[in-house]
Amino acid sequence: MDSQLNFYKIVPGIVETGKETEVVISALDPRYYFSDDKQYSVKIQPMTRNERGMIGLEKHRCENTYVKDGKLCFKWFFDNEEEYTVRVYFAEPREFIVQLSVYAVDSDLYNLRPLKGDLHIHSCRLIGPHTGSNETPAFTAADYRAAGYDFMILTDHECYAGSVEMQEAYKDVKLGINLMNGEEIHAPDNFLHFNNLGGKYSVNSLFHADKDKYYQEVQQIIDTEEIEYEDKFLYASCLWIARKTQESGGLAMLNHSHWISNVYSMPDKLTKLLLKNKVFDVYEISGAANRHQNNMKAAFYYTLMKEGIELPPVVSVSDSHGTVSGAFKNKYTIVFADKNDREGILEAIRANRVAAVETFGNGEYNVLGDYRYVSYARFLIEWYFPLFPAVTAEEGKLMHQYILGCEEAKAKLDKRANNTENLYKELFGKN
């Protein structure tokens, strides 16, 4: 978060390229209000086009500023998709006041919602022996909203029912967060786990209901398809999981590729084959327990890219096993979607309109993905998403109250459901 957000607001903060836009800067402290009897100058510099020593910066100066109701206003034509620093000065004598930023995007991206979400989350709902968390699905959802998340996919171990329970808990109330179905799939005799993101039914339930059919279908894959991997059952089981997830309408996510349990949990050769053969829709590039593991995930991915292999989109996930500690906030994915609903989120991921974010607890963070989305995402992390908890923290508290039976919480949640949508419209100049 840029520290200037504590003192100033600039709207719109995200603008459309190719249009003249009126920008308004307001002070959040009366000491810094702009005055009618003073003159101001604004210098606007594009982030990617340093012209110092070539053309000079005079053309970046906007002297036609005016003050209205204590706010500084100016108009500017943003010609290219990138970040622009906005430096404000007193005109005479020239004295620096503040530096803010605006991001200009082309119309296709301007018309998409930047949404912060987590695609790999656990609650206390379990079927198998694996560790979950202490929090119920509804409790987990409330904590995610309080932290400023726009969407979440609950992916309990071997259990789709947790995500259904989460949705059922809030079915009679309006929420600002999109709660999506999911599960982590633990197929019989397959030590690897994969995620079903947004599927309309459970893949785990297929082998829970009829394990013999699962074995028969895996064997059919072995008998009828060419498999390059030595452990043909393991590879065929991974194929079965991915295909059944896709049949359910979900995205199949490759998890834990370099998670260390004495050695890497998934052999590199198998990871390469699954990616090379386009078995999975999404690659979990950041989601392991430490930087070593995530470093190796990324290195492996970019090595395969260098080899010319067409690879799936990358996402960052918390693999959260509890929300009370707050560690779940360290990894997340920003999705650029038409709408914050199931279809919008899944379509955006399929189209690779994503940025994978990993934070390090000292204000530093790393973002992976295509350059266009990474550049935009870094601006949003500094100037856009930090504004959300002020809106969503109260919603999270009300969600907790609602599931505890507080009668007043429903009306308050219904009233607040569009708060982040309204903030989005303000910051994009769409009011």
Protein backbone atom coordinates (compact mmCIF):
# COMPACT_ATOMS: atom_id res chain seq x y z
CA MET A 1 0.00 0.00 0.00
CA ASP A 2 1.35 3.41 -0.92
CA SER A 3 1.55 5.59 2.18
CA GLN A 4 0.00 8.58 0.38
CA LEU A 5 -3.36 6.78 0.54
CA ASN A 6 -3.44 7.83 4.19
CA PHE A 7 -3.51 11.49 3.18
CA TYR A 8 -4.90 11.81 -0.35
CA LYS A 9 -7.41 10.22 -2.70
CA ILE A 10 -7.22 10.37 -6.48
CA VAL A 11 -10.24 9.48 -8.63
CA PRO A 12 -10.55 7.95 -11.01
CA GLY A 13 -7.49 5.92 -10.19
CA ILE A 14 -8.01 3.67 -13.21
CA VAL A 15 -8.79 5.39 -16.51
CA GLU A 16 -9.43 4.36 -20.10
CA THR A 17 -6.78 5.07 -22.71
CA GLY A 18 -7.51 7.29 -25.69
CA LYS A 19 -9.85 9.61 -23.78
CA GLU A 20 -9.47 12.90 -22.00
CA THR A 21 -10.28 12.27 -18.35
CA GLU A 22 -10.99 14.67 -15.52
CA VAL A 23 -8.97 13.66 -12.46
CA VAL A 24 -9.78 14.89 -8.95
CA ILE A 25 -7.33 14.85 -6.03
CA SER A 26 -8.76 15.35 -2.55
CA ALA A 27 -6.97 15.61 0.78
CA LEU A 28 -8.11 13.37 3.63
CA ASP A 29 -6.71 15.72 6.28
CA PRO A 30 -7.90 19.37 6.53
CA ARG A 31 -4.27 20.50 6.81
CA TYR A 32 -3.73 19.49 3.19
CA TYR A 33 -6.89 20.87 1.58
CA PHE A 34 -6.29 22.67 -1.70
CA SER A 35 -6.98 26.40 -1.62
CA ASP A 36 -8.76 28.65 -4.12
CA ASP A 37 -6.24 31.40 -3.62
CA LYS A 38 -3.23 29.30 -4.60
CA GLN A 39 -2.06 28.04 -7.97
CA TYR A 40 -0.97 24.45 -8.56
CA SER A 41 0.93 22.59 -11.22
CA VAL A 42 0.75 18.88 -12.05
CA LYS A 43 3.43 16.80 -13.79
CA ILE A 44 2.31 13.48 -15.31
CA GLN A 45 4.93 10.91 -16.28
CA PRO A 46 4.32 7.54 -18.01
CA MET A 47 6.06 4.69 -16.20
CA THR A 48 7.49 2.91 -19.27
CA ARG A 49 8.65 5.90 -21.34
CA ASN A 50 11.47 7.71 -19.62
CA GLU A 51 12.23 10.60 -21.95
CA ARG A 52 14.79 12.38 -19.76
CA GLY A 53 17.68 13.63 -21.83
CA MET A 54 15.80 13.11 -25.08
CA ILE A 55 12.73 15.31 -25.43
CA GLY A 56 12.36 16.72 -21.94
CA LEU A 57 9.32 16.68 -19.70
CA GLU A 58 7.63 19.97 -20.53
CA LYS A 59 4.87 18.19 -22.44
CA HIS A 60 4.05 16.25 -19.27
CA ARG A 61 3.20 19.38 -17.30
CA CYS A 62 -0.43 20.32 -16.77
CA GLU A 63 -0.78 23.94 -15.72
CA ASN A 64 -4.54 24.11 -16.33
CA THR A 65 -5.58 22.98 -12.87
CA TYR A 66 -8.43 24.36 -10.80
CA VAL A 67 -9.69 23.97 -7.25
CA LYS A 68 -13.30 23.05 -6.51
CA ASP A 69 -14.62 22.46 -2.98
CA GLY A 70 -11.09 22.06 -1.66
CA LYS A 71 -10.20 19.48 -4.33
CA LEU A 72 -7.60 19.83 -7.08
CA CYS A 73 -8.92 19.04 -10.57
CA PHE A 74 -7.28 18.69 -13.97
CA LYS A 75 -7.91 17.03 -17.34
CA TRP A 76 -5.45 14.77 -19.14
CA PHE A 77 -5.33 12.56 -22.23
CA PHE A 78 -3.82 9.20 -21.26
CA ASP A 79 -2.52 7.78 -24.51
CA ASN A 80 -0.98 4.45 -23.56
CA GLU A 81 -1.70 1.48 -21.28
CA GLU A 82 0.58 1.86 -18.25
CA GLU A 83 0.98 3.54 -14.87
CA TYR A 84 1.35 7.32 -14.72
CA THR A 85 2.89 9.11 -11.75
CA VAL A 86 1.08 12.34 -10.86
CA ARG A 87 3.27 14.88 -9.06
CA VAL A 88 1.57 17.94 -7.57
CA TYR A 89 3.36 21.24 -6.89
CA PHE A 90 2.61 24.75 -5.78
CA ALA A 91 3.03 26.73 -9.00
CA GLU A 92 4.80 29.80 -7.56
CA PRO A 93 7.17 29.33 -5.90
CA ARG A 94 7.51 25.80 -7.24
CA GLU A 95 7.31 23.47 -4.26
CA PHE A 96 6.53 19.73 -4.26
CA ILE A 97 3.34 18.61 -2.46
CA VAL A 98 2.60 14.94 -3.22
CA GLN A 99 3.11 12.13 -5.74
CA LEU A 100 0.20 9.81 -6.57
CA SER A 101 -0.47 7.35 -9.40
CA VAL A 102 -3.09 6.62 -12.02
CA TYR A 103 -3.26 3.54 -14.26
CA ALA A 104 -4.56 3.72 -17.83
CA VAL A 105 -5.85 0.56 -19.52
CA ASP A 106 -7.26 -0.17 -22.95
CA SER A 107 -11.01 -0.60 -23.25
CA ASP A 108 -11.00 -4.42 -23.06
CA LEU A 109 -9.28 -4.38 -19.66
CA TYR A 110 -11.04 -1.24 -18.45
CA ASN A 111 -14.37 -3.04 -18.75
CA LEU A 112 -13.25 -5.98 -16.60
CA ARG A 113 -13.44 -6.18 -12.80
CA PRO A 114 -10.17 -6.79 -10.95
CA LEU A 115 -11.14 -9.36 -8.31
CA LYS A 116 -9.05 -10.68 -5.44
CA GLY A 117 -9.58 -14.33 -4.59
CA ASP A 118 -8.24 -17.60 -3.22
CA LEU A 119 -8.69 -20.91 -5.07
CA HIS A 120 -7.43 -23.41 -2.47
CA ILE A 121 -8.93 -23.17 1.02
CA HIS A 122 -9.75 -25.67 3.77
CA SER A 123 -12.26 -25.65 6.60
CA CYS A 124 -12.95 -28.21 9.33
CA ARG A 125 -15.09 -30.37 7.02
CA LEU A 126 -13.29 -33.65 6.29
CA ILE A 127 -14.06 -37.13 5.07
CA GLY A 128 -10.60 -38.70 5.01
CA PRO A 129 -7.79 -38.55 7.58
CA HIS A 130 -6.17 -35.35 6.32
CA THR A 131 -5.84 -32.23 8.44
CA GLY A 132 -8.28 -29.41 7.85
CA SER A 133 -8.76 -26.34 10.04
CA ASN A 134 -10.67 -25.47 13.18
CA GLU A 135 -13.03 -23.11 11.38
CA THR A 136 -16.38 -24.05 9.87
CA PRO A 137 -17.06 -23.22 6.21
CA ALA A 138 -19.26 -20.25 7.14
CA PHE A 139 -16.68 -18.94 9.64
CA THR A 140 -13.95 -19.23 7.00
CA ALA A 141 -16.00 -17.26 4.48
CA ALA A 142 -16.59 -14.45 7.00
CA ASP A 143 -12.86 -14.12 7.66
CA TYR A 144 -12.07 -13.98 3.95
CA ARG A 145 -14.57 -11.19 3.41
CA ALA A 146 -13.23 -9.26 6.38
CA ALA A 147 -9.77 -9.45 4.78
CA GLY A 148 -11.00 -7.83 1.56
CA TYR A 149 -11.53 -10.85 -0.70
CA ASP A 150 -13.99 -10.67 -3.60
CA PHE A 151 -14.30 -14.44 -4.13
CA MET A 152 -13.16 -17.73 -2.65
CA ILE A 153 -13.32 -21.41 -3.56
CA LEU A 154 -13.53 -23.80 -0.60
CA THR A 155 -11.62 -26.99 -1.45
CA ASP A 156 -11.80 -29.27 1.56
CA HIS A 157 -9.86 -32.54 1.54
CA GLU A 158 -11.92 -35.23 -0.17
CA CYS A 159 -15.05 -33.22 0.60
CA TYR A 160 -17.26 -31.10 -1.67
CA ALA A 161 -19.96 -30.79 0.99
CA GLY A 162 -18.05 -28.09 2.88
CA SER A 163 -18.44 -25.66 -0.02
CA VAL A 164 -22.15 -26.48 -0.25
CA GLU A 165 -22.52 -25.91 3.50
CA MET A 166 -20.78 -22.54 3.13
CA GLN A 167 -23.22 -21.43 0.44
CA GLU A 168 -26.22 -22.75 2.34
CA ALA A 169 -25.23 -20.80 5.45
CA TYR A 170 -25.64 -17.51 3.57
CA LYS A 171 -28.31 -18.40 1.01
CA ASP A 172 -30.88 -16.00 2.49
CA VAL A 173 -28.63 -12.96 2.71
CA LYS A 174 -26.89 -10.73 0.16
CA LEU A 175 -23.10 -10.77 0.27
CA GLY A 176 -20.36 -8.81 -1.41
CA ILE A 177 -18.16 -11.93 -1.68
CA ASN A 178 -18.69 -14.68 -4.25
CA LEU A 179 -18.64 -18.10 -2.49
CA MET A 180 -17.79 -20.91 -4.92
CA ASN A 181 -17.91 -24.70 -4.81
CA GLY A 182 -14.80 -26.81 -4.86
CA GLU A 183 -12.91 -29.75 -3.37
CA GLU A 184 -9.48 -31.35 -3.15
CA ILE A 185 -9.63 -34.73 -4.84
CA HIS A 186 -8.05 -37.79 -3.20
CA ALA A 187 -8.59 -40.62 -5.67
CA PRO A 188 -8.02 -44.23 -4.51
CA ASP A 189 -4.42 -45.46 -4.83
CA ASN A 190 -3.27 -42.06 -6.04
CA PHE A 191 -1.04 -40.28 -3.51
CA LEU A 192 -1.34 -37.00 -5.45
CA HIS A 193 -4.09 -34.45 -4.78
CA PHE A 194 -5.73 -32.13 -7.30
CA ASN A 195 -8.40 -29.44 -7.03
CA ASN A 196 -11.82 -29.18 -8.59
CA LEU A 197 -12.44 -25.44 -8.99
CA GLY A 198 -16.08 -24.47 -9.39
CA GLY A 199 -17.43 -27.85 -10.44
CA LYS A 200 -21.19 -28.27 -10.25
CA TYR A 201 -20.88 -31.59 -8.42
CA SER A 202 -18.31 -33.59 -6.50
CA VAL A 203 -15.66 -35.72 -8.20
CA ASN A 204 -14.78 -37.37 -4.88
CA SER A 205 -18.38 -38.56 -4.66
CA LEU A 206 -17.94 -40.58 -7.86
CA PHE A 207 -15.49 -43.04 -6.33
CA HIS A 208 -17.12 -42.83 -2.90
CA ALA A 209 -20.30 -44.10 -4.53
CA ASP A 210 -18.70 -46.71 -6.80
CA LYS A 211 -15.01 -47.44 -6.31
CA ASP A 212 -15.09 -50.40 -8.71
CA LYS A 213 -16.29 -48.15 -11.51
CA TYR A 214 -13.39 -45.79 -10.84
CA TYR A 215 -10.88 -48.63 -11.16
CA GLN A 216 -12.58 -49.88 -14.33
CA GLU A 217 -12.48 -46.43 -15.95
CA VAL A 218 -8.84 -45.90 -15.01
CA GLN A 219 -8.00 -49.33 -16.46
CA GLN A 220 -9.83 -48.42 -19.65
CA ILE A 221 -7.59 -45.38 -20.02
CA ILE A 222 -4.54 -47.63 -19.55
CA ASP A 223 -5.84 -50.12 -22.14
CA THR A 224 -6.88 -47.62 -24.81
CA GLU A 225 -4.49 -44.66 -24.58
CA GLU A 226 -0.77 -44.26 -25.03
CA ILE A 227 0.86 -43.44 -21.70
CA GLU A 228 4.52 -42.38 -21.60
CA TYR A 229 4.88 -42.59 -17.84
CA GLU A 230 6.21 -45.74 -16.15
CA ASP A 231 3.49 -45.88 -13.48
CA LYS A 232 0.60 -46.16 -15.89
CA PHE A 233 -2.04 -46.41 -13.18
CA LEU A 234 -0.87 -43.20 -11.51
CA TYR A 235 -0.88 -41.26 -14.79
CA ALA A 236 -4.26 -42.69 -15.84
CA SER A 237 -5.74 -41.81 -12.44
CA CYS A 238 -4.54 -38.20 -12.87
CA LEU A 239 -6.19 -38.15 -16.30
CA TRP A 240 -9.40 -39.51 -14.80
CA ILE A 241 -9.41 -36.81 -12.10
CA ALA A 242 -8.85 -33.97 -14.56
CA ARG A 243 -11.46 -35.22 -17.03
CA LYS A 244 -14.11 -35.81 -14.38
CA THR A 245 -13.48 -32.34 -12.99
CA GLN A 246 -13.91 -30.82 -16.42
CA GLU A 247 -17.09 -32.86 -16.98
CA SER A 248 -18.44 -31.36 -13.74
CA GLY A 249 -17.98 -27.90 -15.22
CA GLY A 250 -14.97 -27.11 -13.04
CA LEU A 251 -11.36 -26.27 -13.75
CA ALA A 252 -8.83 -28.98 -12.92
CA MET A 253 -5.89 -27.53 -10.99
CA LEU A 254 -2.47 -29.16 -10.73
CA ASN A 255 -1.47 -28.83 -7.06
CA HIS A 256 1.68 -29.35 -5.00
CA SER A 257 4.12 -30.03 -7.82
CA HIS A 258 7.19 -29.24 -5.69
CA TRP A 259 5.78 -29.66 -2.22
CA ILE A 260 8.48 -31.37 -0.13
CA SER A 261 7.69 -34.42 1.97
CA ASN A 262 11.29 -35.59 2.35
CA VAL A 263 11.44 -35.37 -1.47
CA TYR A 264 9.24 -33.58 -4.00
CA SER A 265 5.75 -35.05 -3.73
CA MET A 266 5.26 -35.21 -7.51
CA PRO A 267 8.05 -36.52 -9.74
CA ASP A 268 9.28 -33.87 -12.17
CA LYS A 269 8.80 -36.20 -15.11
CA LEU A 270 5.13 -36.68 -14.23
CA THR A 271 4.61 -32.93 -13.71
CA LYS A 272 6.13 -32.25 -17.12
CA LEU A 273 3.98 -34.85 -18.88
CA LEU A 274 0.76 -33.63 -17.26
CA LEU A 275 1.54 -30.06 -18.33
CA LYS A 276 2.89 -30.97 -21.76
CA ASN A 277 -0.21 -33.05 -22.53
CA LYS A 278 -2.55 -30.27 -21.34
CA VAL A 279 -4.21 -32.53 -18.78
CA PHE A 280 -4.90 -29.73 -16.29
CA ASP A 281 -6.45 -26.31 -16.80
CA VAL A 282 -4.55 -24.40 -14.11
CA TYR A 283 -1.09 -24.60 -12.51
CA GLU A 284 -0.64 -23.74 -8.83
CA ILE A 285 2.66 -21.84 -9.19
CA SER A 286 2.64 -20.45 -5.66
CA GLY A 287 0.94 -22.26 -2.81
CA ALA A 288 3.58 -24.27 -1.06
CA ALA A 289 4.69 -23.85 2.52
CA ASN A 290 7.95 -22.00 1.85
CA ARG A 291 9.83 -19.95 -0.73
CA HIS A 292 12.08 -22.84 -1.77
CA GLN A 293 9.11 -24.85 -2.97
CA ASN A 294 7.41 -21.94 -4.72
CA ASN A 295 10.73 -20.93 -6.30
CA MET A 296 11.07 -24.40 -7.79
CA LYS A 297 7.48 -24.41 -9.06
CA ALA A 298 8.14 -21.18 -10.95
CA ALA A 299 11.54 -22.27 -12.24
CA PHE A 300 10.07 -25.53 -13.54
CA TYR A 301 7.19 -23.72 -15.24
CA TYR A 302 9.44 -21.23 -17.04
CA THR A 303 11.87 -23.96 -18.07
CA LEU A 304 9.03 -25.83 -19.75
CA MET A 305 7.93 -22.58 -21.40
CA LYS A 306 11.45 -22.13 -22.75
CA GLU A 307 11.18 -25.61 -24.26
CA GLY A 308 8.16 -24.41 -26.24
CA ILE A 309 5.51 -26.26 -24.25
CA GLU A 310 2.12 -24.53 -24.22
CA LEU A 311 1.29 -24.14 -20.54
CA PRO A 312 -1.87 -23.42 -18.54
CA PRO A 313 -2.50 -20.20 -16.57
CA VAL A 314 -0.72 -19.82 -13.24
CA VAL A 315 -2.38 -18.97 -9.93
CA SER A 316 -1.25 -18.30 -6.38
CA VAL A 317 -3.23 -19.86 -3.53
CA SER A 318 -2.97 -19.96 0.24
CA ASP A 319 -3.84 -23.65 0.70
CA SER A 320 -5.18 -22.21 3.94
CA HIS A 321 -5.78 -24.61 6.83
CA GLY A 322 -7.13 -21.91 9.11
CA THR A 323 -7.92 -18.21 9.06
CA VAL A 324 -7.40 -17.19 12.69
CA SER A 325 -3.61 -16.82 12.26
CA GLY A 326 -4.02 -14.49 9.29
CA ALA A 327 -1.42 -16.38 7.23
CA PHE A 328 -4.06 -17.08 4.57
CA LYS A 329 -3.61 -13.50 3.33
CA ASN A 330 -0.08 -14.14 2.04
CA LYS A 331 -0.97 -15.72 -1.29
CA TYR A 332 -3.85 -14.93 -3.61
CA THR A 333 -4.84 -14.51 -7.24
CA ILE A 334 -6.15 -11.41 -8.98
CA VAL A 335 -8.63 -12.28 -11.72
CA PHE A 336 -9.85 -9.87 -14.41
CA ALA A 337 -13.44 -10.93 -15.05
CA ASP A 338 -16.59 -9.68 -16.74
CA LYS A 339 -18.53 -10.27 -13.55
CA ASN A 340 -17.95 -11.55 -10.04
CA ASP A 341 -19.85 -14.81 -10.40
CA ARG A 342 -18.93 -18.45 -11.03
CA GLU A 343 -18.98 -18.19 -14.81
CA GLY A 344 -17.06 -14.92 -14.85
CA ILE A 345 -14.29 -16.21 -12.59
CA LEU A 346 -13.82 -19.52 -14.42
CA GLU A 347 -13.87 -17.89 -17.85
CA ALA A 348 -11.26 -15.32 -16.81
CA ILE A 349 -8.94 -18.06 -15.51
CA ARG A 350 -9.38 -20.11 -18.68
CA ALA A 351 -8.52 -17.01 -20.71
CA ASN A 352 -5.37 -16.46 -18.59
CA ARG A 353 -6.51 -13.06 -17.34
CA VAL A 354 -4.87 -13.64 -13.97
CA ALA A 355 -1.98 -12.48 -11.80
CA ALA A 356 -0.50 -14.75 -9.09
CA VAL A 357 0.52 -12.85 -5.95
CA GLU A 358 2.80 -13.97 -3.12
CA THR A 359 3.56 -11.59 -0.23
CA PHE A 360 6.45 -11.83 2.21
CA GLY A 361 5.26 -10.01 5.32
CA ASN A 362 7.64 -7.03 5.03
CA GLY A 363 5.69 -5.05 2.47
CA GLU A 364 7.40 -6.87 -0.40
CA TYR A 365 5.56 -9.13 -2.80
CA ASN A 366 6.02 -11.00 -6.05
CA VAL A 367 3.53 -11.20 -8.92
CA LEU A 368 3.70 -13.82 -11.70
CA GLY A 369 1.85 -13.95 -15.00
CA ASP A 370 1.79 -12.08 -18.29
CA TYR A 371 3.57 -8.72 -18.21
CA ARG A 372 0.37 -6.80 -18.96
CA TYR A 373 -1.53 -8.25 -16.01
CA VAL A 374 1.45 -8.22 -13.64
CA SER A 375 2.06 -4.52 -14.27
CA TYR A 376 -1.60 -3.70 -13.71
CA ALA A 377 -1.83 -5.97 -10.66
CA ARG A 378 1.12 -4.29 -8.95
CA PHE A 379 -0.62 -0.94 -9.29
CA LEU A 380 -3.83 -2.40 -7.90
CA ILE A 381 -1.99 -3.89 -4.92
CA GLU A 382 -0.55 -0.46 -4.09
CA TRP A 383 -3.47 1.83 -4.88
CA TYR A 384 -6.73 -0.12 -5.18
CA PHE A 385 -7.05 -3.20 -2.99
CA PRO A 386 -5.75 -1.49 0.20
CA LEU A 387 -8.96 0.56 0.20
CA PHE A 388 -11.15 -2.55 0.44
CA PRO A 389 -10.71 -3.71 4.07
CA ALA A 390 -12.19 -0.41 5.28
CA VAL A 391 -15.35 -1.51 3.44
CA THR A 392 -15.22 -5.27 3.94
CA ALA A 393 -14.06 -5.60 7.56
CA GLU A 394 -17.50 -4.70 8.86
CA GLU A 395 -19.13 -7.11 6.40
CA GLY A 396 -16.97 -9.92 7.76
CA LYS A 397 -18.04 -9.10 11.33
CA LEU A 398 -21.68 -9.04 10.27
CA MET A 399 -21.29 -12.42 8.55
CA HIS A 400 -20.01 -13.84 11.83
CA GLN A 401 -22.96 -12.30 13.66
CA TYR A 402 -25.38 -13.62 11.05
CA ILE A 403 -24.29 -17.25 11.41
CA LEU A 404 -24.58 -16.85 15.18
CA GLY A 405 -28.24 -15.88 14.78
CA CYS A 406 -28.10 -12.10 15.19
CA GLU A 407 -31.41 -10.84 13.79
CA GLU A 408 -30.09 -7.40 12.82
CA ALA A 409 -27.13 -8.74 10.82
CA LYS A 410 -29.17 -9.77 7.76
CA ALA A 411 -30.58 -6.29 7.11
CA LYS A 412 -27.15 -4.73 7.57
CA LEU A 413 -25.50 -7.22 5.21
CA ASP A 414 -28.20 -6.76 2.58
CA LYS A 415 -27.62 -3.01 2.76
CA ARG A 416 -23.84 -3.32 2.43
CA ALA A 417 -23.73 -5.98 -0.29
CA ASN A 418 -22.87 -3.49 -3.07
CA ASN A 419 -20.24 -1.53 -1.15
CA THR A 420 -17.22 -2.92 -2.99
CA GLU A 421 -19.08 -2.60 -6.30
CA ASN A 422 -19.67 1.06 -5.51
CA LEU A 423 -16.02 1.57 -4.58
CA TYR A 424 -15.00 -0.08 -7.86
CA LYS A 425 -17.26 2.28 -9.81
CA GLU A 426 -15.87 5.32 -8.02
CA LEU A 427 -12.24 4.39 -8.60
CA PHE A 428 -12.90 3.58 -12.26
CA GLY A 429 -14.94 6.75 -12.79
CA LYS A 430 -18.07 4.77 -13.60
CA ASN A 431 -20.49 6.45 -11.20
